[in-house]
Amino acid sequence: MIETNRLKLYAASREQMEAFIAAQSVDVLKAAYTEMLDGCLAHPDQWAWYAIWMIELKDGTHIGELCFKGLSEAGTAEIGYGIAEKHQGHGYATEAVSALADWAFKQPGVSCVTAETEASNIASERVLKKSGFMPTGKVGEEGPLYIRKKADRQKEI
């Protein structure tokens, strides 16, 4: 578990992920979360790199999720995130993304964390920039690609 000033972040267990998937009413999300669980089951030794990471307030209120999309052999981990609409605008996404990226850099072999966001999603772009990510000038499947390198962040600290 990762704790920040206001949040608790943790990789969900198989049972938690199965319950979370069953509760989804949006087919696209259900498919994405099922893919994450499949990744966990295929790579149990790398659970944290495929799991749904839950974002909770310190009082236990669930406000969103994070995830990695595995860890490449080159040491790159792509992060994804979302905060429930009623909890947006309070800096929770920035706090969570920063904390999970910091955690990733403490893991062996991680050299950078990347993220993609839709070009029209200005709030997500701000989250990434505040979390130390820089635009790469490249566009991925979901939009512009951002990167935070381990060495770059250490220079700032």
N, C-alpha and C. Protein backbone atom coordinates (compact mmCIF):
# COMPACT_ATOMS: atom_id res chain seq x y z
N MET A 1 0.85 -1.19 0.00
CA MET A 1 0.00 0.00 0.00
C MET A 1 0.88 1.24 0.00
N ILE A 2 0.45 2.22 -0.76
CA ILE A 2 1.12 3.52 -0.81
C ILE A 2 0.19 4.52 -0.14
N GLU A 3 0.74 5.31 0.77
CA GLU A 3 -0.06 6.36 1.40
C GLU A 3 0.54 7.71 1.08
N THR A 4 -0.34 8.65 0.77
CA THR A 4 0.06 10.04 0.54
C THR A 4 -0.62 10.87 1.64
N ASN A 5 -0.55 12.17 1.53
CA ASN A 5 -1.19 13.02 2.53
C ASN A 5 -2.69 12.75 2.66
N ARG A 6 -3.35 12.49 1.51
CA ARG A 6 -4.80 12.34 1.54
C ARG A 6 -5.31 11.00 1.04
N LEU A 7 -4.42 10.19 0.44
CA LEU A 7 -4.87 9.00 -0.27
C LEU A 7 -4.20 7.72 0.18
N LYS A 8 -4.88 6.61 -0.14
CA LYS A 8 -4.32 5.27 -0.03
C LYS A 8 -4.43 4.65 -1.42
N LEU A 9 -3.33 4.07 -1.90
CA LEU A 9 -3.30 3.41 -3.19
C LEU A 9 -2.85 1.98 -2.97
N TYR A 10 -3.53 1.03 -3.60
CA TYR A 10 -3.11 -0.36 -3.46
C TYR A 10 -3.55 -1.18 -4.66
N ALA A 11 -2.70 -2.17 -4.98
CA ALA A 11 -3.02 -3.10 -6.06
C ALA A 11 -4.08 -4.07 -5.55
N ALA A 12 -5.17 -4.16 -6.27
CA ALA A 12 -6.29 -5.01 -5.86
C ALA A 12 -5.91 -6.49 -5.95
N SER A 13 -6.49 -7.28 -5.08
CA SER A 13 -6.33 -8.73 -5.11
C SER A 13 -7.20 -9.30 -6.24
N ARG A 14 -7.03 -10.58 -6.50
CA ARG A 14 -7.86 -11.22 -7.53
C ARG A 14 -9.34 -11.08 -7.18
N GLU A 15 -9.69 -11.35 -5.93
CA GLU A 15 -11.09 -11.27 -5.51
C GLU A 15 -11.63 -9.86 -5.66
N GLN A 16 -10.83 -8.86 -5.27
CA GLN A 16 -11.26 -7.47 -5.40
C GLN A 16 -11.46 -7.11 -6.88
N MET A 17 -10.52 -7.57 -7.72
CA MET A 17 -10.64 -7.26 -9.15
C MET A 17 -11.87 -7.93 -9.75
N GLU A 18 -12.12 -9.19 -9.40
CA GLU A 18 -13.29 -9.89 -9.93
C GLU A 18 -14.58 -9.18 -9.52
N ALA A 19 -14.67 -8.75 -8.27
CA ALA A 19 -15.86 -8.04 -7.80
C ALA A 19 -16.00 -6.68 -8.50
N PHE A 20 -14.89 -6.01 -8.71
CA PHE A 20 -14.89 -4.71 -9.37
C PHE A 20 -15.36 -4.86 -10.82
N ILE A 21 -14.86 -5.89 -11.49
CA ILE A 21 -15.25 -6.15 -12.88
C ILE A 21 -16.74 -6.49 -12.96
N ALA A 22 -17.21 -7.32 -12.06
CA ALA A 22 -18.63 -7.72 -12.05
C ALA A 22 -19.55 -6.52 -11.84
N ALA A 23 -19.07 -5.51 -11.11
CA ALA A 23 -19.89 -4.34 -10.80
C ALA A 23 -19.91 -3.30 -11.92
N GLN A 24 -19.05 -3.47 -12.93
CA GLN A 24 -18.97 -2.49 -14.02
C GLN A 24 -20.18 -2.58 -14.93
N SER A 25 -20.72 -1.43 -15.29
CA SER A 25 -21.85 -1.39 -16.21
C SER A 25 -21.44 -0.88 -17.59
N VAL A 26 -20.23 -0.34 -17.70
CA VAL A 26 -19.73 0.16 -18.97
C VAL A 26 -18.88 -0.93 -19.61
N ASP A 27 -19.32 -1.40 -20.78
CA ASP A 27 -18.66 -2.54 -21.44
C ASP A 27 -17.18 -2.30 -21.72
N VAL A 28 -16.82 -1.09 -22.13
CA VAL A 28 -15.41 -0.78 -22.43
C VAL A 28 -14.55 -0.92 -21.17
N LEU A 29 -15.05 -0.42 -20.05
CA LEU A 29 -14.32 -0.54 -18.79
C LEU A 29 -14.25 -1.98 -18.33
N LYS A 30 -15.36 -2.69 -18.45
CA LYS A 30 -15.38 -4.10 -18.06
C LYS A 30 -14.33 -4.88 -18.85
N ALA A 31 -14.24 -4.62 -20.15
CA ALA A 31 -13.25 -5.30 -20.99
C ALA A 31 -11.82 -4.93 -20.59
N ALA A 32 -11.59 -3.66 -20.33
CA ALA A 32 -10.25 -3.21 -19.94
C ALA A 32 -9.84 -3.82 -18.61
N TYR A 33 -10.74 -3.82 -17.63
CA TYR A 33 -10.41 -4.39 -16.31
C TYR A 33 -10.24 -5.91 -16.40
N THR A 34 -11.00 -6.55 -17.27
CA THR A 34 -10.83 -8.00 -17.48
C THR A 34 -9.46 -8.29 -18.08
N GLU A 35 -9.03 -7.45 -19.00
CA GLU A 35 -7.70 -7.59 -19.60
C GLU A 35 -6.61 -7.45 -18.53
N MET A 36 -6.82 -6.52 -17.59
CA MET A 36 -5.85 -6.35 -16.50
C MET A 36 -5.78 -7.60 -15.64
N LEU A 37 -6.94 -8.15 -15.29
CA LEU A 37 -6.96 -9.37 -14.48
C LEU A 37 -6.28 -10.51 -15.23
N ASP A 38 -6.55 -10.62 -16.52
CA ASP A 38 -5.90 -11.65 -17.33
C ASP A 38 -4.38 -11.48 -17.29
N GLY A 39 -3.90 -10.23 -17.35
CA GLY A 39 -2.47 -9.95 -17.26
C GLY A 39 -1.90 -10.38 -15.93
N CYS A 40 -2.65 -10.11 -14.86
CA CYS A 40 -2.22 -10.52 -13.51
C CYS A 40 -2.09 -12.04 -13.43
N LEU A 41 -3.08 -12.73 -13.95
CA LEU A 41 -3.08 -14.20 -13.88
C LEU A 41 -1.98 -14.81 -14.75
N ALA A 42 -1.69 -14.16 -15.87
CA ALA A 42 -0.64 -14.65 -16.76
C ALA A 42 0.76 -14.34 -16.22
N HIS A 43 0.86 -13.29 -15.39
CA HIS A 43 2.15 -12.85 -14.83
C HIS A 43 2.02 -12.63 -13.32
N PRO A 44 1.72 -13.67 -12.55
CA PRO A 44 1.49 -13.48 -11.11
C PRO A 44 2.69 -12.89 -10.37
N ASP A 45 3.89 -13.11 -10.90
CA ASP A 45 5.09 -12.55 -10.27
C ASP A 45 5.23 -11.04 -10.54
N GLN A 46 4.39 -10.52 -11.43
CA GLN A 46 4.39 -9.08 -11.76
C GLN A 46 3.01 -8.48 -11.53
N TRP A 47 2.30 -8.98 -10.53
CA TRP A 47 0.91 -8.58 -10.25
C TRP A 47 0.72 -7.07 -10.28
N ALA A 48 1.58 -6.35 -9.58
CA ALA A 48 1.40 -4.90 -9.45
C ALA A 48 1.47 -4.17 -10.79
N TRP A 49 2.12 -4.77 -11.79
CA TRP A 49 2.27 -4.13 -13.09
C TRP A 49 1.05 -4.36 -13.98
N TYR A 50 0.11 -5.20 -13.57
CA TYR A 50 -1.09 -5.49 -14.36
C TYR A 50 -2.38 -5.20 -13.58
N ALA A 51 -2.30 -5.09 -12.28
CA ALA A 51 -3.48 -4.98 -11.42
C ALA A 51 -4.19 -3.63 -11.56
N ILE A 52 -5.43 -3.63 -11.13
CA ILE A 52 -6.16 -2.38 -10.91
C ILE A 52 -5.65 -1.86 -9.57
N TRP A 53 -5.14 -0.64 -9.57
CA TRP A 53 -4.73 0.00 -8.32
C TRP A 53 -5.90 0.88 -7.87
N MET A 54 -6.37 0.63 -6.67
CA MET A 54 -7.49 1.40 -6.12
C MET A 54 -6.98 2.70 -5.51
N ILE A 55 -7.75 3.74 -5.71
CA ILE A 55 -7.46 5.04 -5.11
C ILE A 55 -8.56 5.31 -4.09
N GLU A 56 -8.18 5.46 -2.84
CA GLU A 56 -9.15 5.74 -1.78
C GLU A 56 -8.70 6.95 -0.98
N LEU A 57 -9.68 7.68 -0.47
CA LEU A 57 -9.38 8.71 0.51
C LEU A 57 -8.96 7.99 1.79
N LYS A 58 -8.33 8.69 2.70
CA LYS A 58 -7.87 8.07 3.95
C LYS A 58 -9.02 7.43 4.74
N ASP A 59 -10.26 7.93 4.53
CA ASP A 59 -11.40 7.36 5.25
C ASP A 59 -11.95 6.09 4.57
N GLY A 60 -11.32 5.65 3.47
CA GLY A 60 -11.74 4.44 2.78
C GLY A 60 -12.69 4.67 1.61
N THR A 61 -13.06 5.91 1.34
CA THR A 61 -13.94 6.22 0.20
C THR A 61 -13.19 5.97 -1.10
N HIS A 62 -13.76 5.11 -1.95
CA HIS A 62 -13.15 4.80 -3.25
C HIS A 62 -13.43 5.96 -4.19
N ILE A 63 -12.36 6.54 -4.79
CA ILE A 63 -12.55 7.69 -5.67
C ILE A 63 -12.02 7.48 -7.08
N GLY A 64 -11.31 6.38 -7.33
CA GLY A 64 -10.80 6.16 -8.67
C GLY A 64 -9.85 4.98 -8.75
N GLU A 65 -9.23 4.84 -9.92
CA GLU A 65 -8.33 3.72 -10.16
C GLU A 65 -7.12 4.21 -10.96
N LEU A 66 -6.05 3.44 -10.81
CA LEU A 66 -4.83 3.60 -11.60
C LEU A 66 -4.47 2.23 -12.14
N CYS A 67 -3.59 2.19 -13.10
CA CYS A 67 -3.06 0.91 -13.56
C CYS A 67 -1.77 1.14 -14.31
N PHE A 68 -1.00 0.09 -14.40
CA PHE A 68 0.12 0.03 -15.33
C PHE A 68 -0.32 -0.93 -16.41
N LYS A 69 0.34 -0.86 -17.54
CA LYS A 69 0.04 -1.80 -18.63
C LYS A 69 1.23 -2.72 -18.80
N GLY A 70 1.66 -3.31 -17.68
CA GLY A 70 2.82 -4.19 -17.69
C GLY A 70 4.10 -3.38 -17.57
N LEU A 71 5.22 -4.08 -17.58
CA LEU A 71 6.55 -3.47 -17.54
C LEU A 71 7.35 -4.08 -18.67
N SER A 72 7.82 -3.24 -19.59
CA SER A 72 8.57 -3.74 -20.73
C SER A 72 9.97 -4.18 -20.31
N GLU A 73 10.60 -4.97 -21.15
CA GLU A 73 11.97 -5.41 -20.88
C GLU A 73 12.93 -4.23 -20.85
N ALA A 74 12.58 -3.14 -21.52
CA ALA A 74 13.42 -1.94 -21.54
C ALA A 74 13.22 -1.09 -20.28
N GLY A 75 12.29 -1.49 -19.40
CA GLY A 75 12.07 -0.76 -18.16
C GLY A 75 11.05 0.35 -18.26
N THR A 76 10.16 0.28 -19.24
CA THR A 76 9.11 1.28 -19.41
C THR A 76 7.78 0.74 -18.89
N ALA A 77 7.12 1.55 -18.10
CA ALA A 77 5.79 1.22 -17.59
C ALA A 77 4.83 2.33 -18.01
N GLU A 78 3.74 1.95 -18.68
CA GLU A 78 2.72 2.94 -19.06
C GLU A 78 1.67 2.96 -17.96
N ILE A 79 1.27 4.17 -17.56
CA ILE A 79 0.29 4.33 -16.49
C ILE A 79 -1.01 4.87 -17.06
N GLY A 80 -2.11 4.46 -16.46
CA GLY A 80 -3.43 4.98 -16.80
C GLY A 80 -4.13 5.32 -15.49
N TYR A 81 -5.10 6.21 -15.53
CA TYR A 81 -5.75 6.64 -14.29
C TYR A 81 -7.10 7.27 -14.57
N GLY A 82 -7.92 7.28 -13.54
CA GLY A 82 -9.22 7.93 -13.64
C GLY A 82 -9.76 8.21 -12.25
N ILE A 83 -10.39 9.34 -12.10
CA ILE A 83 -11.00 9.76 -10.84
C ILE A 83 -12.49 9.95 -11.09
N ALA A 84 -13.31 9.44 -10.18
CA ALA A 84 -14.76 9.61 -10.30
C ALA A 84 -15.09 11.10 -10.43
N GLU A 85 -16.05 11.39 -11.28
CA GLU A 85 -16.38 12.79 -11.61
C GLU A 85 -16.60 13.67 -10.37
N LYS A 86 -17.30 13.15 -9.38
CA LYS A 86 -17.60 14.00 -8.21
C LYS A 86 -16.37 14.30 -7.36
N HIS A 87 -15.26 13.61 -7.63
CA HIS A 87 -14.02 13.85 -6.88
C HIS A 87 -12.96 14.56 -7.71
N GLN A 88 -13.30 14.93 -8.95
CA GLN A 88 -12.34 15.61 -9.81
C GLN A 88 -12.19 17.07 -9.38
N GLY A 89 -11.05 17.65 -9.73
CA GLY A 89 -10.81 19.06 -9.44
C GLY A 89 -10.24 19.33 -8.06
N HIS A 90 -9.81 18.29 -7.36
CA HIS A 90 -9.26 18.45 -6.01
C HIS A 90 -7.79 18.05 -5.93
N GLY A 91 -7.17 17.76 -7.07
CA GLY A 91 -5.77 17.38 -7.09
C GLY A 91 -5.49 15.93 -6.76
N TYR A 92 -6.54 15.12 -6.64
CA TYR A 92 -6.34 13.71 -6.29
C TYR A 92 -5.59 12.94 -7.39
N ALA A 93 -5.91 13.21 -8.64
CA ALA A 93 -5.24 12.50 -9.74
C ALA A 93 -3.75 12.81 -9.73
N THR A 94 -3.39 14.07 -9.57
CA THR A 94 -1.98 14.45 -9.53
C THR A 94 -1.28 13.77 -8.37
N GLU A 95 -1.90 13.76 -7.22
CA GLU A 95 -1.32 13.13 -6.03
C GLU A 95 -1.13 11.63 -6.25
N ALA A 96 -2.13 10.99 -6.84
CA ALA A 96 -2.06 9.54 -7.06
C ALA A 96 -1.05 9.17 -8.15
N VAL A 97 -1.07 9.88 -9.27
CA VAL A 97 -0.14 9.59 -10.37
C VAL A 97 1.30 9.83 -9.91
N SER A 98 1.53 10.91 -9.21
CA SER A 98 2.89 11.19 -8.70
C SER A 98 3.36 10.09 -7.77
N ALA A 99 2.50 9.68 -6.87
CA ALA A 99 2.87 8.65 -5.89
C ALA A 99 3.14 7.31 -6.55
N LEU A 100 2.31 6.93 -7.52
CA LEU A 100 2.51 5.63 -8.16
C LEU A 100 3.75 5.65 -9.07
N ALA A 101 4.01 6.76 -9.72
CA ALA A 101 5.24 6.88 -10.52
C ALA A 101 6.46 6.82 -9.61
N ASP A 102 6.41 7.51 -8.47
CA ASP A 102 7.51 7.44 -7.51
C ASP A 102 7.74 6.00 -7.06
N TRP A 103 6.65 5.29 -6.78
CA TRP A 103 6.75 3.87 -6.39
C TRP A 103 7.42 3.07 -7.49
N ALA A 104 7.00 3.30 -8.74
CA ALA A 104 7.55 2.55 -9.88
C ALA A 104 9.06 2.71 -9.96
N PHE A 105 9.55 3.93 -9.73
CA PHE A 105 10.98 4.17 -9.84
C PHE A 105 11.79 3.50 -8.73
N LYS A 106 11.13 3.07 -7.69
CA LYS A 106 11.82 2.33 -6.62
C LYS A 106 11.91 0.83 -6.93
N GLN A 107 11.23 0.41 -8.00
CA GLN A 107 11.24 -1.00 -8.38
C GLN A 107 12.42 -1.28 -9.31
N PRO A 108 12.99 -2.48 -9.22
CA PRO A 108 14.15 -2.81 -10.06
C PRO A 108 13.86 -2.72 -11.55
N GLY A 109 14.79 -2.11 -12.27
CA GLY A 109 14.73 -2.10 -13.73
C GLY A 109 13.84 -1.05 -14.36
N VAL A 110 13.18 -0.21 -13.57
CA VAL A 110 12.28 0.79 -14.15
C VAL A 110 13.07 2.04 -14.51
N SER A 111 13.02 2.42 -15.78
CA SER A 111 13.75 3.60 -16.23
C SER A 111 12.84 4.78 -16.56
N CYS A 112 11.59 4.49 -16.95
CA CYS A 112 10.66 5.57 -17.25
C CYS A 112 9.22 5.10 -17.13
N VAL A 113 8.35 6.08 -16.92
CA VAL A 113 6.91 5.84 -16.88
C VAL A 113 6.31 6.73 -17.97
N THR A 114 5.42 6.16 -18.75
CA THR A 114 4.78 6.92 -19.82
C THR A 114 3.27 6.96 -19.59
N ALA A 115 2.62 7.87 -20.28
CA ALA A 115 1.16 7.98 -20.24
C ALA A 115 0.69 8.63 -21.54
N GLU A 116 -0.51 8.29 -21.94
CA GLU A 116 -1.15 8.92 -23.08
C GLU A 116 -2.44 9.57 -22.60
N THR A 117 -2.80 10.67 -23.22
CA THR A 117 -4.07 11.31 -22.90
C THR A 117 -4.66 11.89 -24.18
N GLU A 118 -5.96 11.94 -24.25
CA GLU A 118 -6.60 12.54 -25.42
C GLU A 118 -6.16 13.99 -25.53
N ALA A 119 -5.93 14.43 -26.75
CA ALA A 119 -5.46 15.80 -26.97
C ALA A 119 -6.41 16.84 -26.39
N SER A 120 -7.69 16.52 -26.34
CA SER A 120 -8.69 17.46 -25.83
C SER A 120 -8.84 17.42 -24.31
N ASN A 121 -8.15 16.50 -23.66
CA ASN A 121 -8.29 16.35 -22.22
C ASN A 121 -7.25 17.21 -21.49
N ILE A 122 -7.56 18.49 -21.39
CA ILE A 122 -6.64 19.47 -20.80
C ILE A 122 -6.38 19.15 -19.32
N ALA A 123 -7.39 18.69 -18.61
CA ALA A 123 -7.20 18.36 -17.18
C ALA A 123 -6.19 17.23 -17.00
N SER A 124 -6.28 16.21 -17.84
CA SER A 124 -5.34 15.10 -17.75
C SER A 124 -3.93 15.54 -18.13
N GLU A 125 -3.84 16.40 -19.12
CA GLU A 125 -2.54 16.96 -19.50
C GLU A 125 -1.91 17.70 -18.32
N ARG A 126 -2.71 18.47 -17.60
CA ARG A 126 -2.21 19.20 -16.41
C ARG A 126 -1.74 18.23 -15.33
N VAL A 127 -2.51 17.14 -15.13
CA VAL A 127 -2.13 16.12 -14.15
C VAL A 127 -0.74 15.59 -14.48
N LEU A 128 -0.54 15.23 -15.74
CA LEU A 128 0.75 14.66 -16.15
C LEU A 128 1.89 15.67 -15.97
N LYS A 129 1.68 16.89 -16.39
CA LYS A 129 2.74 17.90 -16.26
C LYS A 129 3.06 18.18 -14.79
N LYS A 130 2.04 18.28 -13.94
CA LYS A 130 2.27 18.52 -12.51
C LYS A 130 2.96 17.32 -11.86
N SER A 131 2.79 16.14 -12.45
CA SER A 131 3.39 14.92 -11.91
C SER A 131 4.79 14.66 -12.47
N GLY A 132 5.33 15.62 -13.22
CA GLY A 132 6.69 15.50 -13.72
C GLY A 132 6.83 14.88 -15.09
N PHE A 133 5.74 14.66 -15.80
CA PHE A 133 5.78 14.09 -17.14
C PHE A 133 5.97 15.21 -18.17
N MET A 134 6.67 14.86 -19.23
CA MET A 134 6.93 15.82 -20.30
C MET A 134 6.37 15.25 -21.61
N PRO A 135 5.83 16.11 -22.48
CA PRO A 135 5.35 15.62 -23.78
C PRO A 135 6.53 15.14 -24.61
N THR A 136 6.32 14.06 -25.37
CA THR A 136 7.39 13.50 -26.21
C THR A 136 7.30 13.99 -27.64
N GLY A 137 6.16 14.56 -28.02
CA GLY A 137 5.95 14.96 -29.41
C GLY A 137 5.40 13.81 -30.25
N LYS A 138 5.23 12.65 -29.62
CA LYS A 138 4.69 11.49 -30.33
C LYS A 138 3.23 11.30 -29.92
N VAL A 139 2.48 10.61 -30.77
CA VAL A 139 1.08 10.33 -30.49
C VAL A 139 0.88 8.82 -30.47
N GLY A 140 0.28 8.32 -29.38
CA GLY A 140 -0.02 6.90 -29.27
C GLY A 140 -1.46 6.62 -29.64
N GLU A 141 -1.92 5.43 -29.31
CA GLU A 141 -3.29 5.02 -29.63
C GLU A 141 -4.33 5.90 -28.96
N GLU A 142 -4.02 6.41 -27.77
CA GLU A 142 -5.00 7.18 -27.01
C GLU A 142 -4.74 8.68 -27.05
N GLY A 143 -3.68 9.11 -27.74
CA GLY A 143 -3.39 10.53 -27.84
C GLY A 143 -1.92 10.82 -27.59
N PRO A 144 -1.60 12.10 -27.35
CA PRO A 144 -0.22 12.50 -27.13
C PRO A 144 0.45 11.69 -26.00
N LEU A 145 1.72 11.35 -26.23
CA LEU A 145 2.50 10.54 -25.30
C LEU A 145 3.34 11.43 -24.41
N TYR A 146 3.30 11.16 -23.12
CA TYR A 146 4.09 11.87 -22.11
C TYR A 146 5.02 10.87 -21.45
N ILE A 147 6.16 11.38 -20.95
CA ILE A 147 7.14 10.51 -20.31
C ILE A 147 7.72 11.19 -19.08
N ARG A 148 7.99 10.37 -18.09
CA ARG A 148 8.73 10.82 -16.90
C ARG A 148 9.87 9.83 -16.73
N LYS A 149 11.09 10.33 -16.84
CA LYS A 149 12.27 9.48 -16.73
C LYS A 149 12.77 9.50 -15.29
N LYS A 150 13.26 8.38 -14.85
CA LYS A 150 13.77 8.24 -13.49
C LYS A 150 14.84 9.29 -13.20
N ALA A 151 15.82 9.42 -14.06
CA ALA A 151 16.92 10.35 -13.83
C ALA A 151 16.45 11.80 -13.80
N ASP A 152 15.48 12.16 -14.66
CA ASP A 152 14.98 13.53 -14.69
C ASP A 152 14.35 13.92 -13.38
N ARG A 153 13.54 13.04 -12.83
CA ARG A 153 12.84 13.34 -11.59
C ARG A 153 13.82 13.43 -10.43
N GLN A 154 14.85 12.59 -10.43
CA GLN A 154 15.82 12.63 -9.34
C GLN A 154 16.57 13.95 -9.33
N LYS A 155 16.79 14.56 -10.50
CA LYS A 155 17.47 15.85 -10.56
C LYS A 155 16.65 16.95 -9.89
N GLU A 156 15.30 16.80 -9.97
CA GLU A 156 14.41 17.82 -9.39
C GLU A 156 14.35 17.73 -7.88
N ILE A 157 14.59 16.52 -7.34
CA ILE A 157 14.41 16.29 -5.90
C ILE A 157 15.56 16.83 -5.11
